[in-house]
């Protein structure tokens, strides 16, 4: 997972790349940092050239004033890909990255060869609350966002560098500002029927943050979309079950279209 830097629209953007093969773009959650995919990268790199990034204003990427919410991040990602010379690609998005991936699949349909969204929502469902990380402490984050005890224990025992703590704090502040301005949880369910690329939707059965009803609703609204659910995992399936998830992605993106 090589860290790189590229200038996009005058801003320095941090991104990560590994492997060889067709390009696979991984879009991060509301944490906004590419390093959240560190467990998946080595599993996918033998099959794809894998890319992810720190969104503008998150991690160590420069802020871009007009990129102030998920819709604008969705507009920014194609500029970043153009700067890398990537025209057509496989696309995956997790949590907040999922709705960004959906927006890109709607707007850039000729470029997205296949789409996978994981543990995400495309609009509110009555009486099914979504939990925002804004204002939660570590104990609450572990309780709501994770399911497996061994993963919670590992996170508790992690020793983060001062730089990593600064990146996480900066990202949290950016997300909080976006959420305060109602630019995270948007409703695009009525646009999903326009997505025509092969699509896989994945849900986590023990997800308290974005309950499984949300990704299931996405699958129902995208023509021909496939469905996969994972037991014994909470919202952060990319951390709790990276091996199983990698197999899903490899199988889906590598199989021949019929």
C-alpha atoms as a PDB file:
ATOM      1  CA  UNK A   1       0.000   0.000   0.000  1.00  0.00           C
ATOM      2  CA  UNK A   2       2.225   2.764  -1.315  1.00  0.00           C
ATOM      3  CA  UNK A   3       1.396   6.295  -0.217  1.00  0.00           C
ATOM      4  CA  UNK A   4       1.513   8.882  -3.004  1.00  0.00           C
ATOM      5  CA  UNK A   5       0.582  12.491  -3.603  1.00  0.00           C
ATOM      6  CA  UNK A   6      -0.960  14.208  -6.602  1.00  0.00           C
ATOM      7  CA  UNK A   7      -2.193  17.723  -7.283  1.00  0.00           C
ATOM      8  CA  UNK A   8      -5.891  17.892  -8.231  1.00  0.00           C
ATOM      9  CA  UNK A   9      -7.626  21.222  -8.839  1.00  0.00           C
ATOM     10  CA  UNK A  10      -4.675  22.942  -7.183  1.00  0.00           C
ATOM     11  CA  UNK A  11      -4.853  20.806  -4.016  1.00  0.00           C
ATOM     12  CA  UNK A  12      -2.389  18.175  -2.819  1.00  0.00           C
ATOM     13  CA  UNK A  13      -4.272  14.893  -2.470  1.00  0.00           C
ATOM     14  CA  UNK A  14      -2.893  11.890  -0.607  1.00  0.00           C
ATOM     15  CA  UNK A  15      -3.728   8.557  -2.190  1.00  0.00           C
ATOM     16  CA  UNK A  16      -2.660   4.937  -1.919  1.00  0.00           C
ATOM     17  CA  UNK A  17      -1.908   2.399  -4.621  1.00  0.00           C
ATOM     18  CA  UNK A  18      -0.873  -1.252  -4.829  1.00  0.00           C
ATOM     19  CA  UNK A  19      -0.926  -4.229  -7.153  1.00  0.00           C
ATOM     20  CA  UNK A  20      -1.374  -4.683 -10.876  1.00  0.00           C
ATOM     21  CA  UNK A  21      -4.295  -5.414 -13.138  1.00  0.00           C
ATOM     22  CA  UNK A  22      -7.536  -3.545 -13.852  1.00  0.00           C
ATOM     23  CA  UNK A  23      -8.107  -0.479 -11.644  1.00  0.00           C
ATOM     24  CA  UNK A  24     -10.262  -0.991  -8.554  1.00  0.00           C
ATOM     25  CA  UNK A  25     -11.204   2.181  -6.648  1.00  0.00           C
ATOM     26  CA  UNK A  26     -12.033   1.867  -2.924  1.00  0.00           C
ATOM     27  CA  UNK A  27     -13.896   4.817  -1.387  1.00  0.00           C
ATOM     28  CA  UNK A  28     -13.553   5.271   2.398  1.00  0.00           C
ATOM     29  CA  UNK A  29     -16.246   5.817   5.007  1.00  0.00           C
ATOM     30  CA  UNK A  30     -16.962   9.044   6.865  1.00  0.00           C
ATOM     31  CA  UNK A  31     -13.535   8.620   8.459  1.00  0.00           C
ATOM     32  CA  UNK A  32     -12.323   9.817   5.071  1.00  0.00           C
ATOM     33  CA  UNK A  33      -8.873   8.203   5.230  1.00  0.00           C
ATOM     34  CA  UNK A  34      -7.549   5.687   2.744  1.00  0.00           C
ATOM     35  CA  UNK A  35      -5.662   3.800   5.455  1.00  0.00           C
ATOM     36  CA  UNK A  36      -8.918   2.283   6.716  1.00  0.00           C
ATOM     37  CA  UNK A  37      -8.480  -0.159   3.803  1.00  0.00           C
ATOM     38  CA  UNK A  38      -5.061  -1.351   4.981  1.00  0.00           C
ATOM     39  CA  UNK A  39      -6.313  -4.900   5.694  1.00  0.00           C
ATOM     40  CA  UNK A  40      -7.989  -5.266   2.276  1.00  0.00           C
ATOM     41  CA  UNK A  41      -5.195  -3.866   0.116  1.00  0.00           C
ATOM     42  CA  UNK A  42      -2.809  -6.862   0.288  1.00  0.00           C
ATOM     43  CA  UNK A  43      -5.696  -9.265  -0.340  1.00  0.00           C
ATOM     44  CA  UNK A  44      -6.867  -7.435  -3.477  1.00  0.00           C
ATOM     45  CA  UNK A  45      -3.518  -6.304  -4.900  1.00  0.00           C
ATOM     46  CA  UNK A  46      -2.694  -9.660  -6.595  1.00  0.00           C
ATOM     47  CA  UNK A  47      -5.769  -9.208  -8.811  1.00  0.00           C
ATOM     48  CA  UNK A  48      -6.190  -5.451  -9.331  1.00  0.00           C
ATOM     49  CA  UNK A  49      -4.371  -2.151  -9.270  1.00  0.00           C
ATOM     50  CA  UNK A  50      -6.040  -0.904  -6.099  1.00  0.00           C
ATOM     51  CA  UNK A  51      -6.474   2.790  -5.312  1.00  0.00           C
ATOM     52  CA  UNK A  52      -7.916   4.723  -2.401  1.00  0.00           C
ATOM     53  CA  UNK A  53      -7.429   8.233  -1.026  1.00  0.00           C
ATOM     54  CA  UNK A  54      -7.845  10.717   1.773  1.00  0.00           C
ATOM     55  CA  UNK A  55     -10.815  12.840   0.710  1.00  0.00           C
ATOM     56  CA  UNK A  56     -10.176  16.610   0.488  1.00  0.00           C
ATOM     57  CA  UNK A  57     -10.058  17.988   4.034  1.00  0.00           C
ATOM     58  CA  UNK A  58      -9.598  14.511   5.543  1.00  0.00           C
ATOM     59  CA  UNK A  59      -6.401  12.802   6.683  1.00  0.00           C
ATOM     60  CA  UNK A  60      -3.528  14.706   5.074  1.00  0.00           C
ATOM     61  CA  UNK A  61      -5.223  15.853   1.864  1.00  0.00           C
ATOM     62  CA  UNK A  62      -5.642  19.586   1.355  1.00  0.00           C
ATOM     63  CA  UNK A  63      -9.046  21.109   1.882  1.00  0.00           C
ATOM     64  CA  UNK A  64     -10.977  22.188  -1.212  1.00  0.00           C
ATOM     65  CA  UNK A  65     -13.609  24.750  -0.288  1.00  0.00           C
ATOM     66  CA  UNK A  66     -16.261  23.595  -2.763  1.00  0.00           C
ATOM     67  CA  UNK A  67     -15.941  19.942  -1.681  1.00  0.00           C
ATOM     68  CA  UNK A  68     -18.237  20.291   1.331  1.00  0.00           C
ATOM     69  CA  UNK A  69     -20.300  17.080   1.392  1.00  0.00           C
ATOM     70  CA  UNK A  70     -20.902  13.702  -0.203  1.00  0.00           C
ATOM     71  CA  UNK A  71     -22.371  15.133  -3.405  1.00  0.00           C
ATOM     72  CA  UNK A  72     -19.312  17.311  -3.998  1.00  0.00           C
ATOM     73  CA  UNK A  73     -16.924  14.474  -3.095  1.00  0.00           C
ATOM     74  CA  UNK A  74     -18.765  12.497  -5.766  1.00  0.00           C
ATOM     75  CA  UNK A  75     -17.978  15.294  -8.232  1.00  0.00           C
ATOM     76  CA  UNK A  76     -14.350  15.473  -7.082  1.00  0.00           C
ATOM     77  CA  UNK A  77     -13.487  11.761  -7.443  1.00  0.00           C
ATOM     78  CA  UNK A  78     -13.633  11.795 -11.295  1.00  0.00           C
ATOM     79  CA  UNK A  79     -11.196  14.763 -11.305  1.00  0.00           C
ATOM     80  CA  UNK A  80      -8.809  12.719  -9.149  1.00  0.00           C
ATOM     81  CA  UNK A  81      -9.168   9.707 -11.439  1.00  0.00           C
ATOM     82  CA  UNK A  82      -8.603  11.871 -14.521  1.00  0.00           C
ATOM     83  CA  UNK A  83      -5.375  13.142 -12.936  1.00  0.00           C
ATOM     84  CA  UNK A  84      -4.269   9.518 -12.532  1.00  0.00           C
ATOM     85  CA  UNK A  85      -5.198   8.749 -16.154  1.00  0.00           C
ATOM     86  CA  UNK A  86      -7.924   6.274 -15.123  1.00  0.00           C
ATOM     87  CA  UNK A  87     -10.924   6.374 -17.457  1.00  0.00           C
ATOM     88  CA  UNK A  88     -12.777   3.093 -16.724  1.00  0.00           C
ATOM     89  CA  UNK A  89     -12.699   1.254 -13.414  1.00  0.00           C
ATOM     90  CA  UNK A  90     -14.301  -1.071 -10.895  1.00  0.00           C
ATOM     91  CA  UNK A  91     -15.745   0.882  -7.974  1.00  0.00           C
ATOM     92  CA  UNK A  92     -16.384  -0.024  -4.324  1.00  0.00           C
ATOM     93  CA  UNK A  93     -17.627   2.242  -1.545  1.00  0.00           C
ATOM     94  CA  UNK A  94     -18.009   1.523   2.159  1.00  0.00           C
ATOM     95  CA  UNK A  95     -20.482   3.363   4.434  1.00  0.00           C
ATOM     96  CA  UNK A  96     -20.332   7.062   3.421  1.00  0.00           C
ATOM     97  CA  UNK A  97     -18.112   5.950   0.543  1.00  0.00           C
ATOM     98  CA  UNK A  98     -21.010   3.801  -0.619  1.00  0.00           C
ATOM     99  CA  UNK A  99     -23.337   6.707  -1.298  1.00  0.00           C
ATOM    100  CA  UNK A 100     -20.474   8.530  -3.028  1.00  0.00           C
ATOM    101  CA  UNK A 101     -19.968   5.425  -5.203  1.00  0.00           C
ATOM    102  CA  UNK A 102     -23.691   5.385  -6.013  1.00  0.00           C
ATOM    103  CA  UNK A 103     -23.556   9.029  -7.057  1.00  0.00           C
ATOM    104  CA  UNK A 104     -20.586   8.327  -9.337  1.00  0.00           C
ATOM    105  CA  UNK A 105     -22.347   5.313 -10.871  1.00  0.00           C
ATOM    106  CA  UNK A 106     -25.358   7.527 -11.615  1.00  0.00           C
ATOM    107  CA  UNK A 107     -23.385  10.454 -13.045  1.00  0.00           C
ATOM    108  CA  UNK A 108     -20.434   8.629 -14.668  1.00  0.00           C
ATOM    109  CA  UNK A 109     -22.226   5.514 -15.876  1.00  0.00           C
ATOM    110  CA  UNK A 110     -20.000   4.919 -18.892  1.00  0.00           C
ATOM    111  CA  UNK A 111     -16.880   4.822 -16.716  1.00  0.00           C
ATOM    112  CA  UNK A 112     -17.993   2.431 -13.952  1.00  0.00           C
ATOM    113  CA  UNK A 113     -17.587  -1.146 -15.161  1.00  0.00           C
ATOM    114  CA  UNK A 114     -18.928  -2.758 -11.973  1.00  0.00           C
ATOM    115  CA  UNK A 115     -20.094  -1.394  -8.634  1.00  0.00           C
ATOM    116  CA  UNK A 116     -20.082  -2.710  -5.071  1.00  0.00           C
ATOM    117  CA  UNK A 117     -21.483  -0.823  -2.076  1.00  0.00           C
ATOM    118  CA  UNK A 118     -21.057  -2.022   1.497  1.00  0.00           C
ATOM    119  CA  UNK A 119     -23.039  -1.119   4.636  1.00  0.00           C
ATOM    120  CA  UNK A 120     -24.433   2.089   3.203  1.00  0.00           C
ATOM    121  CA  UNK A 121     -27.715   4.007   2.937  1.00  0.00           C
ATOM    122  CA  UNK A 122     -29.279   5.946   0.072  1.00  0.00           C
ATOM    123  CA  UNK A 123     -31.965   7.700   2.134  1.00  0.00           C
ATOM    124  CA  UNK A 124     -33.787   7.478   5.459  1.00  0.00           C
ATOM    125  CA  UNK A 125     -36.227   4.658   6.266  1.00  0.00           C
ATOM    126  CA  UNK A 126     -38.980   5.476   8.742  1.00  0.00           C
ATOM    127  CA  UNK A 127     -38.398   4.042  12.238  1.00  0.00           C
ATOM    128  CA  UNK A 128     -34.947   2.669  11.317  1.00  0.00           C
ATOM    129  CA  UNK A 129     -32.408   5.027  12.910  1.00  0.00           C
ATOM    130  CA  UNK A 130     -28.883   5.599  11.633  1.00  0.00           C
ATOM    131  CA  UNK A 131     -26.174   6.253  14.219  1.00  0.00           C
ATOM    132  CA  UNK A 132     -23.798   9.130  13.487  1.00  0.00           C
ATOM    133  CA  UNK A 133     -20.274   8.998  14.956  1.00  0.00           C
ATOM    134  CA  UNK A 134     -20.395  12.727  15.751  1.00  0.00           C
ATOM    135  CA  UNK A 135     -19.820  13.285  19.456  1.00  0.00           C
ATOM    136  CA  UNK A 136     -19.241   9.624  20.329  1.00  0.00           C
ATOM    137  CA  UNK A 137     -16.305   8.605  22.533  1.00  0.00           C
ATOM    138  CA  UNK A 138     -14.132   5.532  21.878  1.00  0.00           C
ATOM    139  CA  UNK A 139     -16.211   3.291  24.138  1.00  0.00           C
ATOM    140  CA  UNK A 140     -19.374   4.253  22.247  1.00  0.00           C
ATOM    141  CA  UNK A 141     -17.692   3.861  18.852  1.00  0.00           C
ATOM    142  CA  UNK A 142     -16.601   0.333  19.786  1.00  0.00           C
ATOM    143  CA  UNK A 143     -20.082  -0.544  21.093  1.00  0.00           C
ATOM    144  CA  UNK A 144     -21.973   0.696  18.042  1.00  0.00           C
ATOM    145  CA  UNK A 145     -19.579   0.254  15.125  1.00  0.00           C
ATOM    146  CA  UNK A 146     -17.995  -3.135  15.901  1.00  0.00           C
ATOM    147  CA  UNK A 147     -19.348  -6.561  16.816  1.00  0.00           C
ATOM    148  CA  UNK A 148     -16.465  -8.991  17.259  1.00  0.00           C
ATOM    149  CA  UNK A 149     -14.822  -8.863  20.734  1.00  0.00           C
ATOM    150  CA  UNK A 150     -11.338  -9.689  19.445  1.00  0.00           C
ATOM    151  CA  UNK A 151     -11.475  -6.753  17.019  1.00  0.00           C
ATOM    152  CA  UNK A 152     -12.594  -4.378  19.773  1.00  0.00           C
ATOM    153  CA  UNK A 153      -9.731  -5.591  21.939  1.00  0.00           C
ATOM    154  CA  UNK A 154      -7.235  -5.068  19.127  1.00  0.00           C
ATOM    155  CA  UNK A 155      -8.441  -1.496  18.584  1.00  0.00           C
ATOM    156  CA  UNK A 156      -8.224  -0.709  22.306  1.00  0.00           C
ATOM    157  CA  UNK A 157      -4.607  -1.893  22.331  1.00  0.00           C
ATOM    158  CA  UNK A 158      -3.551  -0.017  19.188  1.00  0.00           C
ATOM    159  CA  UNK A 159      -0.807   2.533  19.725  1.00  0.00           C
ATOM    160  CA  UNK A 160      -1.351   5.403  17.328  1.00  0.00           C
ATOM    161  CA  UNK A 161       1.391   7.868  16.462  1.00  0.00           C
ATOM    162  CA  UNK A 162       0.919  11.547  17.161  1.00  0.00           C
ATOM    163  CA  UNK A 163       0.569  12.149  13.418  1.00  0.00           C
ATOM    164  CA  UNK A 164      -2.171   9.509  13.104  1.00  0.00           C
ATOM    165  CA  UNK A 165      -4.077  11.043  15.994  1.00  0.00           C
ATOM    166  CA  UNK A 166      -3.904  14.436  14.290  1.00  0.00           C
ATOM    167  CA  UNK A 167      -5.184  12.956  11.014  1.00  0.00           C
ATOM    168  CA  UNK A 168      -8.094  11.231  12.760  1.00  0.00           C
ATOM    169  CA  UNK A 169      -8.993  14.390  14.680  1.00  0.00           C
ATOM    170  CA  UNK A 170      -8.892  16.507  11.521  1.00  0.00           C
ATOM    171  CA  UNK A 171     -11.036  13.982   9.658  1.00  0.00           C
ATOM    172  CA  UNK A 172     -13.554  13.862  12.498  1.00  0.00           C
ATOM    173  CA  UNK A 173     -13.872  17.644  12.468  1.00  0.00           C
ATOM    174  CA  UNK A 174     -14.422  17.679   8.693  1.00  0.00           C
ATOM    175  CA  UNK A 175     -17.090  14.974   8.908  1.00  0.00           C
ATOM    176  CA  UNK A 176     -18.814  16.747  11.800  1.00  0.00           C
ATOM    177  CA  UNK A 177     -18.990  19.966   9.792  1.00  0.00           C
ATOM    178  CA  UNK A 178     -20.458  18.119   6.815  1.00  0.00           C
ATOM    179  CA  UNK A 179     -23.026  16.375   9.024  1.00  0.00           C
ATOM    180  CA  UNK A 180     -23.976  19.632  10.776  1.00  0.00           C
ATOM    181  CA  UNK A 181     -24.681  21.155   7.357  1.00  0.00           C
ATOM    182  CA  UNK A 182     -26.831  18.144   6.342  1.00  0.00           C
ATOM    183  CA  UNK A 183     -24.407  17.121   3.594  1.00  0.00           C
ATOM    184  CA  UNK A 184     -23.770  13.497   4.588  1.00  0.00           C
ATOM    185  CA  UNK A 185     -27.107  11.691   4.857  1.00  0.00           C
ATOM    186  CA  UNK A 186     -28.835  12.542   1.591  1.00  0.00           C
ATOM    187  CA  UNK A 187     -31.702  10.804  -0.204  1.00  0.00           C
ATOM    188  CA  UNK A 188     -31.002   9.431  -3.676  1.00  0.00           C
ATOM    189  CA  UNK A 189     -33.100   6.258  -3.545  1.00  0.00           C
ATOM    190  CA  UNK A 190     -35.323   7.475  -6.383  1.00  0.00           C
ATOM    191  CA  UNK A 191     -32.247   7.794  -8.638  1.00  0.00           C
ATOM    192  CA  UNK A 192     -30.929   4.262  -8.150  1.00  0.00           C
ATOM    193  CA  UNK A 193     -33.011   2.775 -10.953  1.00  0.00           C
ATOM    194  CA  UNK A 194     -30.776   4.620 -13.441  1.00  0.00           C
ATOM    195  CA  UNK A 195     -27.735   2.515 -12.445  1.00  0.00           C
ATOM    196  CA  UNK A 196     -27.122  -0.037 -15.188  1.00  0.00           C
ATOM    197  CA  UNK A 197     -23.692  -1.496 -14.382  1.00  0.00           C
ATOM    198  CA  UNK A 198     -23.505  -4.889 -12.627  1.00  0.00           C
ATOM    199  CA  UNK A 199     -23.883  -4.165  -8.918  1.00  0.00           C
ATOM    200  CA  UNK A 200     -23.240  -6.070  -5.696  1.00  0.00           C
ATOM    201  CA  UNK A 201     -24.717  -4.785  -2.425  1.00  0.00           C
ATOM    202  CA  UNK A 202     -23.301  -6.096   0.865  1.00  0.00           C
ATOM    203  CA  UNK A 203     -24.796  -5.756   4.334  1.00  0.00           C
ATOM    204  CA  UNK A 204     -23.621  -6.664   7.836  1.00  0.00           C
ATOM    205  CA  UNK A 205     -26.180  -8.557   9.890  1.00  0.00           C
ATOM    206  CA  UNK A 206     -25.110  -7.024  13.213  1.00  0.00           C
ATOM    207  CA  UNK A 207     -24.786  -3.470  11.887  1.00  0.00           C
ATOM    208  CA  UNK A 208     -26.214  -1.029  14.444  1.00  0.00           C
ATOM    209  CA  UNK A 209     -24.964   2.058  12.610  1.00  0.00           C
ATOM    210  CA  UNK A 210     -26.564   1.523   9.202  1.00  0.00           C
ATOM    211  CA  UNK A 211     -28.944  -1.387   9.844  1.00  0.00           C
ATOM    212  CA  UNK A 212     -29.153  -4.040   7.174  1.00  0.00           C
ATOM    213  CA  UNK A 213     -32.540  -2.714   5.998  1.00  0.00           C
ATOM    214  CA  UNK A 214     -30.667   0.169   4.333  1.00  0.00           C
ATOM    215  CA  UNK A 215     -28.353  -1.758   1.991  1.00  0.00           C
ATOM    216  CA  UNK A 216     -31.227  -4.166   1.317  1.00  0.00           C
ATOM    217  CA  UNK A 217     -33.313  -1.180   0.151  1.00  0.00           C
ATOM    218  CA  UNK A 218     -30.488  -0.171  -2.195  1.00  0.00           C
ATOM    219  CA  UNK A 219     -30.360  -3.683  -3.677  1.00  0.00           C
ATOM    220  CA  UNK A 220     -34.113  -3.643  -4.299  1.00  0.00           C
ATOM    221  CA  UNK A 221     -33.903  -0.343  -6.189  1.00  0.00           C
ATOM    222  CA  UNK A 222     -30.975  -1.091  -8.532  1.00  0.00           C
ATOM    223  CA  UNK A 223     -32.060  -3.232 -11.485  1.00  0.00           C
ATOM    224  CA  UNK A 224     -30.466  -6.682 -11.311  1.00  0.00           C
ATOM    225  CA  UNK A 225     -28.349  -5.892  -8.245  1.00  0.00           C
ATOM    226  CA  UNK A 226     -27.022  -8.873  -6.311  1.00  0.00           C
ATOM    227  CA  UNK A 227     -27.201  -9.217  -2.531  1.00  0.00           C
ATOM    228  CA  UNK A 228     -24.766 -10.616   0.042  1.00  0.00           C
ATOM    229  CA  UNK A 229     -25.003 -10.411   3.823  1.00  0.00           C
ATOM    230  CA  UNK A 230     -22.353 -11.294   6.390  1.00  0.00           C
ATOM    231  CA  UNK A 231     -23.186 -12.669   9.850  1.00  0.00           C
ATOM    232  CA  UNK A 232     -21.172 -11.996  12.991  1.00  0.00           C
ATOM    233  CA  UNK A 233     -19.948  -8.574  11.957  1.00  0.00           C
ATOM    234  CA  UNK A 234     -20.902  -5.022  12.781  1.00  0.00           C
ATOM    235  CA  UNK A 235     -20.698  -1.913  10.645  1.00  0.00           C
ATOM    236  CA  UNK A 236     -16.932  -2.010  10.097  1.00  0.00           C
ATOM    237  CA  UNK A 237     -16.998  -5.195   8.057  1.00  0.00           C
ATOM    238  CA  UNK A 238     -13.843  -4.083   6.208  1.00  0.00           C
ATOM    239  CA  UNK A 239     -11.978  -4.427   9.532  1.00  0.00           C
ATOM    240  CA  UNK A 240     -13.908  -7.319  11.095  1.00  0.00           C
ATOM    241  CA  UNK A 241     -14.050  -9.656   8.070  1.00  0.00           C
ATOM    242  CA  UNK A 242     -11.460  -8.517   5.501  1.00  0.00           C
ATOM    243  CA  UNK A 243     -10.704 -12.034   4.199  1.00  0.00           C
ATOM    244  CA  UNK A 244     -14.348 -12.901   3.534  1.00  0.00           C
ATOM    245  CA  UNK A 245     -15.014  -9.487   2.049  1.00  0.00           C
ATOM    246  CA  UNK A 246     -11.975  -9.695  -0.220  1.00  0.00           C
ATOM    247  CA  UNK A 247     -13.250 -12.997  -1.601  1.00  0.00           C
ATOM    248  CA  UNK A 248     -16.620 -11.379  -2.361  1.00  0.00           C
ATOM    249  CA  UNK A 249     -14.926  -8.532  -4.224  1.00  0.00           C
ATOM    250  CA  UNK A 250     -12.501 -10.736  -6.134  1.00  0.00           C
ATOM    251  CA  UNK A 251     -15.263 -13.097  -7.245  1.00  0.00           C
ATOM    252  CA  UNK A 252     -17.605 -10.294  -8.268  1.00  0.00           C
ATOM    253  CA  UNK A 253     -15.153  -8.018 -10.063  1.00  0.00           C
ATOM    254  CA  UNK A 254     -13.139 -10.768 -11.751  1.00  0.00           C
ATOM    255  CA  UNK A 255     -15.924 -12.932 -13.129  1.00  0.00           C
ATOM    256  CA  UNK A 256     -16.764 -12.600 -16.813  1.00  0.00           C
ATOM    257  CA  UNK A 257     -19.925 -10.731 -17.675  1.00  0.00           C
ATOM    258  CA  UNK A 258     -22.672 -12.940 -19.070  1.00  0.00           C
END
